[in-house]
C-alpha cells in the first residue's frame, strides 16, 4: 500500500525531481518490498528459532518506518511534505500522510509481535 503512494507525479514520476532523487526513491521502494518479503518469510518459515524470526520480522519494518519520526531533525533541509497544498491539522499538529502510514506500520509490527509472542 505505502509503495503505491509513491507511484505518482508527486514522487517517482515527478518531472521536477533530479534523476538521482528518482533513483533513491525507486531504490527505497524496492528495498521496502524486499525487506517486507524477508520479514514475512521469517514469520512463516518452519525451521529455526521462532523467537528470533518474530523479533526480526518486527524489527525490520520498525527500522524502515521510524526515521519518518526524526529524519527532519537530523536533516533540517528535508521535508515530510510532498505536496504543494497545505496539509490538515489536528490540535495544531500538521498531519503528514507518510508519518501516519509510518505510525500505522510500526503499530502493526508491535501488535503482530504481541500476537506472535502470545502464541508461545
PDB file of N, CA and C in Angstrom:
ATOM      1  N   UNK A   1       0.819  -1.192   0.000  1.00  0.00           N
ATOM      2  CA  UNK A   1       0.000   0.000   0.000  1.00  0.00           C
ATOM      3  C   UNK A   1       0.864   1.257   0.000  1.00  0.00           C
ATOM      4  N   UNK A   2       1.805   1.347   0.926  1.00  0.00           N
ATOM      5  CA  UNK A   2       2.611   2.569   1.016  1.00  0.00           C
ATOM      6  C   UNK A   2       3.482   2.754  -0.217  1.00  0.00           C
ATOM      7  N   UNK A   3       3.896   1.671  -0.855  1.00  0.00           N
ATOM      8  CA  UNK A   3       4.693   1.777  -2.074  1.00  0.00           C
ATOM      9  C   UNK A   3       3.878   2.407  -3.192  1.00  0.00           C
ATOM     10  N   UNK A   4       2.614   2.100  -3.266  1.00  0.00           N
ATOM     11  CA  UNK A   4       1.757   2.661  -4.306  1.00  0.00           C
ATOM     12  C   UNK A   4       1.615   4.171  -4.179  1.00  0.00           C
ATOM     13  N   UNK A   5       1.757   4.694  -2.972  1.00  0.00           N
ATOM     14  CA  UNK A   5       1.634   6.139  -2.763  1.00  0.00           C
ATOM     15  C   UNK A   5       2.716   6.888  -3.538  1.00  0.00           C
ATOM     16  N   UNK A   6       3.889   6.295  -3.703  1.00  0.00           N
ATOM     17  CA  UNK A   6       4.990   6.956  -4.408  1.00  0.00           C
ATOM     18  C   UNK A   6       4.914   6.826  -5.923  1.00  0.00           C
ATOM     19  N   UNK A   7       4.016   5.998  -6.442  1.00  0.00           N
ATOM     20  CA  UNK A   7       3.916   5.796  -7.888  1.00  0.00           C
ATOM     21  C   UNK A   7       2.982   6.829  -8.513  1.00  0.00           C
ATOM     22  N   UNK A   8       3.400   8.098  -8.418  1.00  0.00           N
ATOM     23  CA  UNK A   8       2.575   9.175  -8.968  1.00  0.00           C
ATOM     24  C   UNK A   8       3.446  10.363  -9.339  1.00  0.00           C
ATOM     25  N   UNK A   9       2.800  11.433  -9.772  1.00  0.00           N
ATOM     26  CA  UNK A   9       3.517  12.618 -10.228  1.00  0.00           C
ATOM     27  C   UNK A   9       4.153  13.456  -9.141  1.00  0.00           C
ATOM     28  N   UNK A  10       3.853  13.186  -7.866  1.00  0.00           N
ATOM     29  CA  UNK A  10       4.489  13.952  -6.795  1.00  0.00           C
ATOM     30  C   UNK A  10       5.772  13.282  -6.314  1.00  0.00           C
ATOM     31  N   UNK A  11       5.976  12.036  -6.699  1.00  0.00           N
ATOM     32  CA  UNK A  11       7.160  11.307  -6.240  1.00  0.00           C
ATOM     33  C   UNK A  11       7.951  10.745  -7.418  1.00  0.00           C
ATOM     34  N   UNK A  12       7.794   9.471  -7.674  1.00  0.00           N
ATOM     35  CA  UNK A  12       8.630   8.753  -8.629  1.00  0.00           C
ATOM     36  C   UNK A  12       8.550   9.301 -10.048  1.00  0.00           C
ATOM     37  N   UNK A  13       7.398   9.806 -10.446  1.00  0.00           N
ATOM     38  CA  UNK A  13       7.227  10.306 -11.813  1.00  0.00           C
ATOM     39  C   UNK A  13       7.141  11.831 -11.853  1.00  0.00           C
ATOM     40  N   UNK A  14       7.736  12.485 -10.867  1.00  0.00           N
ATOM     41  CA  UNK A  14       7.738  13.940 -10.810  1.00  0.00           C
ATOM     42  C   UNK A  14       8.829  14.473 -11.738  1.00  0.00           C
ATOM     43  N   UNK A  15       8.469  15.196 -12.795  1.00  0.00           N
ATOM     44  CA  UNK A  15       9.487  15.692 -13.731  1.00  0.00           C
ATOM     45  C   UNK A  15      10.425  16.724 -13.108  1.00  0.00           C
ATOM     46  N   UNK A  16      10.037  17.327 -11.992  1.00  0.00           N
ATOM     47  CA  UNK A  16      10.889  18.313 -11.336  1.00  0.00           C
ATOM     48  C   UNK A  16      11.982  17.650 -10.485  1.00  0.00           C
ATOM     49  N   UNK A  17      11.838  16.373 -10.223  1.00  0.00           N
ATOM     50  CA  UNK A  17      12.833  15.686  -9.389  1.00  0.00           C
ATOM     51  C   UNK A  17      14.118  15.464 -10.168  1.00  0.00           C
ATOM     52  N   UNK A  18      15.213  15.603  -9.479  1.00  0.00           N
ATOM     53  CA  UNK A  18      16.520  15.275 -10.043  1.00  0.00           C
ATOM     54  C   UNK A  18      16.549  13.765 -10.298  1.00  0.00           C
ATOM     55  N   UNK A  19      17.167  13.324 -11.385  1.00  0.00           N
ATOM     56  CA  UNK A  19      17.212  11.892 -11.677  1.00  0.00           C
ATOM     57  C   UNK A  19      17.778  11.048 -10.533  1.00  0.00           C
ATOM     58  N   UNK A  20      18.711  11.609  -9.770  1.00  0.00           N
ATOM     59  CA  UNK A  20      19.276  10.840  -8.653  1.00  0.00           C
ATOM     60  C   UNK A  20      18.264  10.707  -7.510  1.00  0.00           C
ATOM     61  N   UNK A  21      17.408  11.700  -7.329  1.00  0.00           N
ATOM     62  CA  UNK A  21      16.343  11.594  -6.323  1.00  0.00           C
ATOM     63  C   UNK A  21      15.347  10.509  -6.728  1.00  0.00           C
ATOM     64  N   UNK A  22      15.049  10.427  -8.022  1.00  0.00           N
ATOM     65  CA  UNK A  22      14.165   9.364  -8.516  1.00  0.00           C
ATOM     66  C   UNK A  22      14.813   8.009  -8.259  1.00  0.00           C
ATOM     67  N   UNK A  23      16.124   7.916  -8.527  1.00  0.00           N
ATOM     68  CA  UNK A  23      16.859   6.681  -8.257  1.00  0.00           C
ATOM     69  C   UNK A  23      16.704   6.269  -6.793  1.00  0.00           C
ATOM     70  N   UNK A  24      16.898   7.207  -5.877  1.00  0.00           N
ATOM     71  CA  UNK A  24      16.815   6.884  -4.446  1.00  0.00           C
ATOM     72  C   UNK A  24      15.395   6.486  -4.040  1.00  0.00           C
ATOM     73  N   UNK A  25      14.393   7.142  -4.600  1.00  0.00           N
ATOM     74  CA  UNK A  25      13.020   6.763  -4.281  1.00  0.00           C
ATOM     75  C   UNK A  25      12.740   5.350  -4.772  1.00  0.00           C
ATOM     76  N   UNK A  26      13.136   5.049  -6.009  1.00  0.00           N
ATOM     77  CA  UNK A  26      12.939   3.698  -6.541  1.00  0.00           C
ATOM     78  C   UNK A  26      13.726   2.678  -5.725  1.00  0.00           C
ATOM     79  N   UNK A  27      14.940   3.027  -5.339  1.00  0.00           N
ATOM     80  CA  UNK A  27      15.768   2.141  -4.511  1.00  0.00           C
ATOM     81  C   UNK A  27      15.061   1.831  -3.195  1.00  0.00           C
ATOM     82  N   UNK A  28      14.529   2.847  -2.552  1.00  0.00           N
ATOM     83  CA  UNK A  28      13.854   2.628  -1.270  1.00  0.00           C
ATOM     84  C   UNK A  28      12.568   1.819  -1.435  1.00  0.00           C
ATOM     85  N   UNK A  29      11.844   2.031  -2.528  1.00  0.00           N
ATOM     86  CA  UNK A  29      10.633   1.249  -2.761  1.00  0.00           C
ATOM     87  C   UNK A  29      10.970  -0.229  -2.947  1.00  0.00           C
ATOM     88  N   UNK A  30      12.017  -0.507  -3.699  1.00  0.00           N
ATOM     89  CA  UNK A  30      12.425  -1.896  -3.909  1.00  0.00           C
ATOM     90  C   UNK A  30      13.007  -2.498  -2.634  1.00  0.00           C
ATOM     91  N   UNK A  31      13.746  -1.693  -1.876  1.00  0.00           N
ATOM     92  CA  UNK A  31      14.277  -2.164  -0.591  1.00  0.00           C
ATOM     93  C   UNK A  31      13.135  -2.511   0.361  1.00  0.00           C
ATOM     94  N   UNK A  32      12.139  -1.655   0.420  1.00  0.00           N
ATOM     95  CA  UNK A  32      10.993  -1.909   1.290  1.00  0.00           C
ATOM     96  C   UNK A  32      10.282  -3.192   0.883  1.00  0.00           C
ATOM     97  N   UNK A  33      10.089  -3.403  -0.407  1.00  0.00           N
ATOM     98  CA  UNK A  33       9.441  -4.630  -0.879  1.00  0.00           C
ATOM     99  C   UNK A  33      10.271  -5.852  -0.492  1.00  0.00           C
ATOM    100  N   UNK A  34      11.587  -5.762  -0.632  1.00  0.00           N
ATOM    101  CA  UNK A  34      12.464  -6.894  -0.308  1.00  0.00           C
ATOM    102  C   UNK A  34      12.457  -7.209   1.183  1.00  0.00           C
ATOM    103  N   UNK A  35      12.604  -6.194   2.031  1.00  0.00           N
ATOM    104  CA  UNK A  35      12.646  -6.468   3.471  1.00  0.00           C
ATOM    105  C   UNK A  35      11.272  -6.912   3.985  1.00  0.00           C
ATOM    106  N   UNK A  36      10.213  -6.455   3.332  1.00  0.00           N
ATOM    107  CA  UNK A  36       8.881  -6.935   3.706  1.00  0.00           C
ATOM    108  C   UNK A  36       8.768  -8.426   3.395  1.00  0.00           C
ATOM    109  N   UNK A  37       9.258  -8.833   2.236  1.00  0.00           N
ATOM    110  CA  UNK A  37       9.239 -10.258   1.876  1.00  0.00           C
ATOM    111  C   UNK A  37      10.095 -11.072   2.842  1.00  0.00           C
ATOM    112  N   UNK A  38      11.243 -10.547   3.231  1.00  0.00           N
ATOM    113  CA  UNK A  38      12.116 -11.246   4.189  1.00  0.00           C
ATOM    114  C   UNK A  38      11.421 -11.375   5.543  1.00  0.00           C
ATOM    115  N   UNK A  39      10.783 -10.310   5.993  1.00  0.00           N
ATOM    116  CA  UNK A  39      10.085 -10.357   7.284  1.00  0.00           C
ATOM    117  C   UNK A  39       8.962 -11.391   7.247  1.00  0.00           C
ATOM    118  N   UNK A  40       8.213 -11.432   6.152  1.00  0.00           N
ATOM    119  CA  UNK A  40       7.143 -12.420   6.032  1.00  0.00           C
ATOM    120  C   UNK A  40       7.713 -13.837   6.002  1.00  0.00           C
ATOM    121  N   UNK A  41       8.814 -14.024   5.296  1.00  0.00           N
ATOM    122  CA  UNK A  41       9.468 -15.331   5.276  1.00  0.00           C
ATOM    123  C   UNK A  41       9.903 -15.730   6.684  1.00  0.00           C
ATOM    124  N   UNK A  42      10.463 -14.791   7.431  1.00  0.00           N
ATOM    125  CA  UNK A  42      10.898 -15.091   8.802  1.00  0.00           C
ATOM    126  C   UNK A  42       9.716 -15.540   9.655  1.00  0.00           C
ATOM    127  N   UNK A  43       8.558 -14.955   9.430  1.00  0.00           N
ATOM    128  CA  UNK A  43       7.373 -15.330  10.200  1.00  0.00           C
ATOM    129  C   UNK A  43       6.827 -16.702   9.811  1.00  0.00           C
ATOM    130  N   UNK A  44       6.874 -17.019   8.525  1.00  0.00           N
ATOM    131  CA  UNK A  44       6.199 -18.226   8.040  1.00  0.00           C
ATOM    132  C   UNK A  44       7.114 -19.438   7.905  1.00  0.00           C
ATOM    133  N   UNK A  45       8.418 -19.284   8.061  1.00  0.00           N
ATOM    134  CA  UNK A  45       9.300 -20.440   7.896  1.00  0.00           C
ATOM    135  C   UNK A  45       9.082 -21.419   9.038  1.00  0.00           C
ATOM    136  N   UNK A  46       9.342 -22.667   8.766  1.00  0.00           N
ATOM    137  CA  UNK A  46       9.068 -23.717   9.749  1.00  0.00           C
ATOM    138  C   UNK A  46      10.305 -24.116  10.545  1.00  0.00           C
ATOM    139  N   UNK A  47      11.481 -23.842  10.033  1.00  0.00           N
ATOM    140  CA  UNK A  47      12.699 -24.256  10.735  1.00  0.00           C
ATOM    141  C   UNK A  47      13.307 -23.076  11.492  1.00  0.00           C
ATOM    142  N   UNK A  48      14.179 -23.347  12.411  1.00  0.00           N
ATOM    143  CA  UNK A  48      14.870 -22.295  13.136  1.00  0.00           C
ATOM    144  C   UNK A  48      14.140 -21.832  14.386  1.00  0.00           C
ATOM    145  N   UNK A  49      14.730 -20.879  15.048  1.00  0.00           N
ATOM    146  CA  UNK A  49      14.205 -20.332  16.297  1.00  0.00           C
ATOM    147  C   UNK A  49      13.074 -19.351  15.999  1.00  0.00           C
ATOM    148  N   UNK A  50      11.870 -19.700  16.387  1.00  0.00           N
ATOM    149  CA  UNK A  50      10.695 -18.845  16.117  1.00  0.00           C
ATOM    150  C   UNK A  50      10.809 -17.496  16.817  1.00  0.00           C
ATOM    151  N   UNK A  51      11.385 -17.452  18.021  1.00  0.00           N
ATOM    152  CA  UNK A  51      11.505 -16.166  18.729  1.00  0.00           C
ATOM    153  C   UNK A  51      12.373 -15.193  17.955  1.00  0.00           C
ATOM    154  N   UNK A  52      13.465 -15.687  17.388  1.00  0.00           N
ATOM    155  CA  UNK A  52      14.345 -14.827  16.589  1.00  0.00           C
ATOM    156  C   UNK A  52      13.616 -14.375  15.330  1.00  0.00           C
ATOM    157  N   UNK A  53      12.890 -15.285  14.686  1.00  0.00           N
ATOM    158  CA  UNK A  53      12.152 -14.932  13.476  1.00  0.00           C
ATOM    159  C   UNK A  53      11.129 -13.840  13.757  1.00  0.00           C
ATOM    160  N   UNK A  54      10.397 -13.961  14.847  1.00  0.00           N
ATOM    161  CA  UNK A  54       9.380 -12.968  15.206  1.00  0.00           C
ATOM    162  C   UNK A  54      10.040 -11.631  15.523  1.00  0.00           C
ATOM    163  N   UNK A  55      11.151 -11.660  16.217  1.00  0.00           N
ATOM    164  CA  UNK A  55      11.850 -10.415  16.547  1.00  0.00           C
ATOM    165  C   UNK A  55      12.362  -9.720  15.286  1.00  0.00           C
ATOM    166  N   UNK A  56      12.982 -10.482  14.387  1.00  0.00           N
ATOM    167  CA  UNK A  56      13.482  -9.893  13.144  1.00  0.00           C
ATOM    168  C   UNK A  56      12.328  -9.350  12.306  1.00  0.00           C
ATOM    169  N   UNK A  57      11.256 -10.118  12.213  1.00  0.00           N
ATOM    170  CA  UNK A  57      10.092  -9.681  11.442  1.00  0.00           C
ATOM    171  C   UNK A  57       9.467  -8.420  12.034  1.00  0.00           C
ATOM    172  N   UNK A  58       9.652  -8.188  13.305  1.00  0.00           N
ATOM    173  CA  UNK A  58       9.158  -6.972  13.949  1.00  0.00           C
ATOM    174  C   UNK A  58      10.120  -5.808  13.745  1.00  0.00           C
ATOM    175  N   UNK A  59      11.414  -6.074  13.898  1.00  0.00           N
ATOM    176  CA  UNK A  59      12.403  -5.002  13.818  1.00  0.00           C
ATOM    177  C   UNK A  59      12.616  -4.468  12.405  1.00  0.00           C
ATOM    178  N   UNK A  60      12.423  -5.298  11.391  1.00  0.00           N
ATOM    179  CA  UNK A  60      12.643  -4.845  10.014  1.00  0.00           C
ATOM    180  C   UNK A  60      11.705  -3.691   9.651  1.00  0.00           C
ATOM    181  N   UNK A  61      10.388  -3.822   9.815  1.00  0.00           N
ATOM    182  CA  UNK A  61       9.547  -2.675   9.476  1.00  0.00           C
ATOM    183  C   UNK A  61       9.752  -1.481  10.411  1.00  0.00           C
ATOM    184  N   UNK A  62      10.048  -1.745  11.665  1.00  0.00           N
ATOM    185  CA  UNK A  62      10.292  -0.644  12.595  1.00  0.00           C
ATOM    186  C   UNK A  62      11.549   0.124  12.185  1.00  0.00           C
ATOM    187  N   UNK A  63      12.583  -0.602  11.772  1.00  0.00           N
ATOM    188  CA  UNK A  63      13.819   0.056  11.317  1.00  0.00           C
ATOM    189  C   UNK A  63      13.560   0.915  10.083  1.00  0.00           C
ATOM    190  N   UNK A  64      12.694   0.452   9.203  1.00  0.00           N
ATOM    191  CA  UNK A  64      12.398   1.229   7.996  1.00  0.00           C
ATOM    192  C   UNK A  64      11.531   2.448   8.296  1.00  0.00           C
ATOM    193  N   UNK A  65      10.500   2.284   9.107  1.00  0.00           N
ATOM    194  CA  UNK A  65       9.494   3.337   9.273  1.00  0.00           C
ATOM    195  C   UNK A  65       9.819   4.380  10.335  1.00  0.00           C
ATOM    196  N   UNK A  66      10.589   4.067  11.376  1.00  0.00           N
ATOM    197  CA  UNK A  66      10.818   5.053  12.439  1.00  0.00           C
ATOM    198  C   UNK A  66      11.574   6.307  11.997  1.00  0.00           C
ATOM    199  N   UNK A  67      12.435   6.265  10.969  1.00  0.00           N
ATOM    200  CA  UNK A  67      13.069   7.530  10.561  1.00  0.00           C
ATOM    201  C   UNK A  67      12.083   8.618  10.143  1.00  0.00           C
ATOM    202  N   UNK A  68      10.874   8.239   9.757  1.00  0.00           N
ATOM    203  CA  UNK A  68       9.870   9.250   9.425  1.00  0.00           C
ATOM    204  C   UNK A  68       9.569  10.152  10.627  1.00  0.00           C
ATOM    205  N   UNK A  69       9.842   9.683  11.823  1.00  0.00           N
ATOM    206  CA  UNK A  69       9.567  10.464  13.024  1.00  0.00           C
ATOM    207  C   UNK A  69      10.709  11.409  13.389  1.00  0.00           C
ATOM    208  N   UNK A  70      11.918  11.186  12.846  1.00  0.00           N
ATOM    209  CA  UNK A  70      13.044  12.031  13.269  1.00  0.00           C
ATOM    210  C   UNK A  70      13.958  12.521  12.149  1.00  0.00           C
ATOM    211  N   UNK A  71      13.742  12.107  10.921  1.00  0.00           N
ATOM    212  CA  UNK A  71      14.673  12.473   9.854  1.00  0.00           C
ATOM    213  C   UNK A  71      14.753  13.981   9.636  1.00  0.00           C
ATOM    214  N   UNK A  72      13.660  14.710   9.820  1.00  0.00           N
ATOM    215  CA  UNK A  72      13.705  16.171   9.606  1.00  0.00           C
ATOM    216  C   UNK A  72      14.489  16.881  10.711  1.00  0.00           C
ATOM    217  N   UNK A  73      14.676  16.229  11.844  1.00  0.00           N
ATOM    218  CA  UNK A  73      15.538  16.806  12.889  1.00  0.00           C
ATOM    219  C   UNK A  73      17.003  16.583  12.535  1.00  0.00           C
ATOM    220  N   UNK A  74      17.303  15.447  11.918  1.00  0.00           N
ATOM    221  CA  UNK A  74      18.677  15.151  11.518  1.00  0.00           C
ATOM    222  C   UNK A  74      19.061  15.973  10.291  1.00  0.00           C
ATOM    223  N   UNK A  75      18.129  16.074   9.328  1.00  0.00           N
ATOM    224  CA  UNK A  75      18.357  16.843   8.103  1.00  0.00           C
ATOM    225  C   UNK A  75      17.321  17.964   8.015  1.00  0.00           C
ATOM    226  N   UNK A  76      17.604  19.105   8.626  1.00  0.00           N
ATOM    227  CA  UNK A  76      16.617  20.196   8.656  1.00  0.00           C
ATOM    228  C   UNK A  76      16.205  20.701   7.271  1.00  0.00           C
ATOM    229  N   UNK A  77      17.026  20.448   6.243  1.00  0.00           N
ATOM    230  CA  UNK A  77      16.651  20.889   4.889  1.00  0.00           C
ATOM    231  C   UNK A  77      15.730  19.884   4.194  1.00  0.00           C
ATOM    232  N   UNK A  78      15.374  18.795   4.879  1.00  0.00           N
ATOM    233  CA  UNK A  78      14.443  17.821   4.319  1.00  0.00           C
ATOM    234  C   UNK A  78      13.015  18.193   4.717  1.00  0.00           C
ATOM    235  N   UNK A  79      12.058  17.552   4.068  1.00  0.00           N
ATOM    236  CA  UNK A  79      10.662  17.854   4.350  1.00  0.00           C
ATOM    237  C   UNK A  79       9.830  16.587   4.266  1.00  0.00           C
ATOM    238  N   UNK A  80       8.857  16.494   5.124  1.00  0.00           N
ATOM    239  CA  UNK A  80       7.899  15.392   5.084  1.00  0.00           C
ATOM    240  C   UNK A  80       6.756  15.684   4.117  1.00  0.00           C
ATOM    241  N   UNK A  81       6.651  16.923   3.678  1.00  0.00           N
ATOM    242  CA  UNK A  81       5.541  17.336   2.824  1.00  0.00           C
ATOM    243  C   UNK A  81       5.908  17.154   1.357  1.00  0.00           C
ATOM    244  N   UNK A  82       5.212  16.244   0.685  1.00  0.00           N
ATOM    245  CA  UNK A  82       5.450  16.001  -0.736  1.00  0.00           C
ATOM    246  C   UNK A  82       4.462  16.768  -1.607  1.00  0.00           C
ATOM    247  N   UNK A  83       3.594  17.530  -1.002  1.00  0.00           N
ATOM    248  CA  UNK A  83       2.540  18.215  -1.737  1.00  0.00           C
ATOM    249  C   UNK A  83       2.717  19.721  -1.634  1.00  0.00           C
ATOM    250  N   UNK A  84       2.212  20.440  -2.628  1.00  0.00           N
ATOM    251  CA  UNK A  84       2.290  21.898  -2.610  1.00  0.00           C
ATOM    252  C   UNK A  84       1.131  22.526  -1.856  1.00  0.00           C
ATOM    253  N   UNK A  85       0.132  21.750  -1.557  1.00  0.00           N
ATOM    254  CA  UNK A  85      -1.039  22.269  -0.853  1.00  0.00           C
ATOM    255  C   UNK A  85      -0.876  22.099   0.660  1.00  0.00           C
ATOM    256  N   UNK A  86      -1.587  22.910   1.432  1.00  0.00           N
ATOM    257  CA  UNK A  86      -1.497  22.784   2.890  1.00  0.00           C
ATOM    258  C   UNK A  86      -2.047  21.438   3.363  1.00  0.00           C
ATOM    259  N   UNK A  87      -1.453  20.926   4.403  1.00  0.00           N
ATOM    260  CA  UNK A  87      -1.882  19.650   4.965  1.00  0.00           C
ATOM    261  C   UNK A  87      -2.848  19.895   6.119  1.00  0.00           C
ATOM    262  N   UNK A  88      -3.708  18.917   6.407  1.00  0.00           N
ATOM    263  CA  UNK A  88      -4.646  19.092   7.518  1.00  0.00           C
ATOM    264  C   UNK A  88      -3.925  19.143   8.856  1.00  0.00           C
ATOM    265  N   UNK A  89      -4.570  19.787   9.808  1.00  0.00           N
ATOM    266  CA  UNK A  89      -4.016  19.877  11.161  1.00  0.00           C
ATOM    267  C   UNK A  89      -5.012  19.303  12.143  1.00  0.00           C
ATOM    268  N   UNK A  90      -4.481  18.694  13.185  1.00  0.00           N
ATOM    269  CA  UNK A  90      -5.299  18.157  14.265  1.00  0.00           C
ATOM    270  C   UNK A  90      -4.697  18.669  15.566  1.00  0.00           C
ATOM    271  N   UNK A  91      -5.457  19.455  16.309  1.00  0.00           N
ATOM    272  CA  UNK A  91      -4.984  20.073  17.553  1.00  0.00           C
ATOM    273  C   UNK A  91      -3.698  20.874  17.304  1.00  0.00           C
ATOM    274  N   UNK A  92      -3.631  21.536  16.146  1.00  0.00           N
ATOM    275  CA  UNK A  92      -2.481  22.370  15.821  1.00  0.00           C
ATOM    276  C   UNK A  92      -1.279  21.606  15.289  1.00  0.00           C
ATOM    277  N   UNK A  93      -1.392  20.293  15.153  1.00  0.00           N
ATOM    278  CA  UNK A  93      -0.280  19.466  14.662  1.00  0.00           C
ATOM    279  C   UNK A  93      -0.551  19.099  13.211  1.00  0.00           C
ATOM    280  N   UNK A  94       0.418  19.384  12.331  1.00  0.00           N
ATOM    281  CA  UNK A  94       0.277  19.032  10.922  1.00  0.00           C
ATOM    282  C   UNK A  94       0.236  17.516  10.773  1.00  0.00           C
ATOM    283  N   UNK A  95      -0.731  17.043  10.016  1.00  0.00           N
ATOM    284  CA  UNK A  95      -0.908  15.607   9.801  1.00  0.00           C
ATOM    285  C   UNK A  95      -0.286  15.223   8.453  1.00  0.00           C
ATOM    286  N   UNK A  96       0.933  14.719   8.493  1.00  0.00           N
ATOM    287  CA  UNK A  96       1.622  14.273   7.283  1.00  0.00           C
ATOM    288  C   UNK A  96       1.160  12.855   6.950  1.00  0.00           C
ATOM    289  N   UNK A  97       0.651  12.627   5.735  1.00  0.00           N
ATOM    290  CA  UNK A  97       0.171  11.282   5.394  1.00  0.00           C
ATOM    291  C   UNK A  97       1.238  10.201   5.560  1.00  0.00           C
ATOM    292  N   UNK A  98       2.488  10.494   5.173  1.00  0.00           N
ATOM    293  CA  UNK A  98       3.537   9.477   5.274  1.00  0.00           C
ATOM    294  C   UNK A  98       3.884   9.154   6.725  1.00  0.00           C
ATOM    295  N   UNK A  99       3.754  10.112   7.617  1.00  0.00           N
ATOM    296  CA  UNK A  99       4.013   9.855   9.039  1.00  0.00           C
ATOM    297  C   UNK A  99       2.872   9.028   9.634  1.00  0.00           C
ATOM    298  N   UNK A 100       1.662   9.290   9.174  1.00  0.00           N
ATOM    299  CA  UNK A 100       0.526   8.486   9.628  1.00  0.00           C
ATOM    300  C   UNK A 100       0.718   7.033   9.188  1.00  0.00           C
ATOM    301  N   UNK A 101       1.129   6.835   7.928  1.00  0.00           N
ATOM    302  CA  UNK A 101       1.400   5.483   7.432  1.00  0.00           C
ATOM    303  C   UNK A 101       2.516   4.837   8.244  1.00  0.00           C
ATOM    304  N   UNK A 102       3.579   5.587   8.533  1.00  0.00           N
ATOM    305  CA  UNK A 102       4.693   5.052   9.327  1.00  0.00           C
ATOM    306  C   UNK A 102       4.220   4.631  10.711  1.00  0.00           C
ATOM    307  N   UNK A 103       3.378   5.450  11.322  1.00  0.00           N
ATOM    308  CA  UNK A 103       2.848   5.107  12.644  1.00  0.00           C
ATOM    309  C   UNK A 103       2.028   3.821  12.587  1.00  0.00           C
ATOM    310  N   UNK A 104       1.153   3.720  11.588  1.00  0.00           N
ATOM    311  CA  UNK A 104       0.316   2.522  11.445  1.00  0.00           C
ATOM    312  C   UNK A 104       1.188   1.291  11.219  1.00  0.00           C
ATOM    313  N   UNK A 105       2.207   1.398  10.384  1.00  0.00           N
ATOM    314  CA  UNK A 105       3.084   0.251  10.109  1.00  0.00           C
ATOM    315  C   UNK A 105       3.847  -0.174  11.366  1.00  0.00           C
ATOM    316  N   UNK A 106       4.351   0.778  12.132  1.00  0.00           N
ATOM    317  CA  UNK A 106       5.048   0.440  13.390  1.00  0.00           C
ATOM    318  C   UNK A 106       4.079  -0.189  14.383  1.00  0.00           C
ATOM    319  N   UNK A 107       2.891   0.368  14.456  1.00  0.00           N
ATOM    320  CA  UNK A 107       1.875  -0.183  15.348  1.00  0.00           C
ATOM    321  C   UNK A 107       1.523  -1.617  14.950  1.00  0.00           C
ATOM    322  N   UNK A 108       1.346  -1.863  13.662  1.00  0.00           N
ATOM    323  CA  UNK A 108       1.050  -3.217  13.195  1.00  0.00           C
ATOM    324  C   UNK A 108       2.195  -4.181  13.514  1.00  0.00           C
ATOM    325  N   UNK A 109       3.430  -3.714  13.399  1.00  0.00           N
ATOM    326  CA  UNK A 109       4.574  -4.563  13.727  1.00  0.00           C
ATOM    327  C   UNK A 109       4.556  -4.947  15.200  1.00  0.00           C
ATOM    328  N   UNK A 110       4.283  -3.990  16.059  1.00  0.00           N
ATOM    329  CA  UNK A 110       4.251  -4.259  17.502  1.00  0.00           C
ATOM    330  C   UNK A 110       3.065  -5.164  17.855  1.00  0.00           C
ATOM    331  N   UNK A 111       1.909  -4.903  17.263  1.00  0.00           N
ATOM    332  CA  UNK A 111       0.733  -5.741  17.518  1.00  0.00           C
ATOM    333  C   UNK A 111       0.998  -7.168  17.028  1.00  0.00           C
ATOM    334  N   UNK A 112       1.592  -7.286  15.847  1.00  0.00           N
ATOM    335  CA  UNK A 112       1.936  -8.610  15.334  1.00  0.00           C
ATOM    336  C   UNK A 112       2.915  -9.330  16.239  1.00  0.00           C
ATOM    337  N   UNK A 113       3.886  -8.584  16.767  1.00  0.00           N
ATOM    338  CA  UNK A 113       4.852  -9.170  17.704  1.00  0.00           C
ATOM    339  C   UNK A 113       4.140  -9.691  18.950  1.00  0.00           C
ATOM    340  N   UNK A 114       3.219  -8.891  19.465  1.00  0.00           N
ATOM    341  CA  UNK A 114       2.479  -9.301  20.674  1.00  0.00           C
ATOM    342  C   UNK A 114       1.638 -10.559  20.421  1.00  0.00           C
ATOM    343  N   UNK A 115       0.969 -10.602  19.264  1.00  0.00           N
ATOM    344  CA  UNK A 115       0.192 -11.790  18.915  1.00  0.00           C
ATOM    345  C   UNK A 115       1.088 -13.022  18.776  1.00  0.00           C
ATOM    346  N   UNK A 116       2.212 -12.849  18.102  1.00  0.00           N
ATOM    347  CA  UNK A 116       3.121 -13.976  17.890  1.00  0.00           C
ATOM    348  C   UNK A 116       3.677 -14.483  19.213  1.00  0.00           C
ATOM    349  N   UNK A 117       4.031 -13.572  20.106  1.00  0.00           N
ATOM    350  CA  UNK A 117       4.573 -13.982  21.417  1.00  0.00           C
ATOM    351  C   UNK A 117       3.496 -14.605  22.292  1.00  0.00           C
ATOM    352  N   UNK A 118       2.259 -14.176  22.138  1.00  0.00           N
ATOM    353  CA  UNK A 118       1.164 -14.743  22.932  1.00  0.00           C
ATOM    354  C   UNK A 118       0.911 -16.198  22.565  1.00  0.00           C
ATOM    355  N   UNK A 119       1.271 -16.593  21.324  1.00  0.00           N
ATOM    356  CA  UNK A 119       1.071 -17.970  20.886  1.00  0.00           C
ATOM    357  C   UNK A 119       2.109 -18.923  21.463  1.00  0.00           C
ATOM    358  N   UNK A 120       3.174 -18.402  22.045  1.00  0.00           N
ATOM    359  CA  UNK A 120       4.250 -19.265  22.555  1.00  0.00           C
ATOM    360  C   UNK A 120       3.865 -19.903  23.871  1.00  0.00           C
TER     361      UNK A 120
END
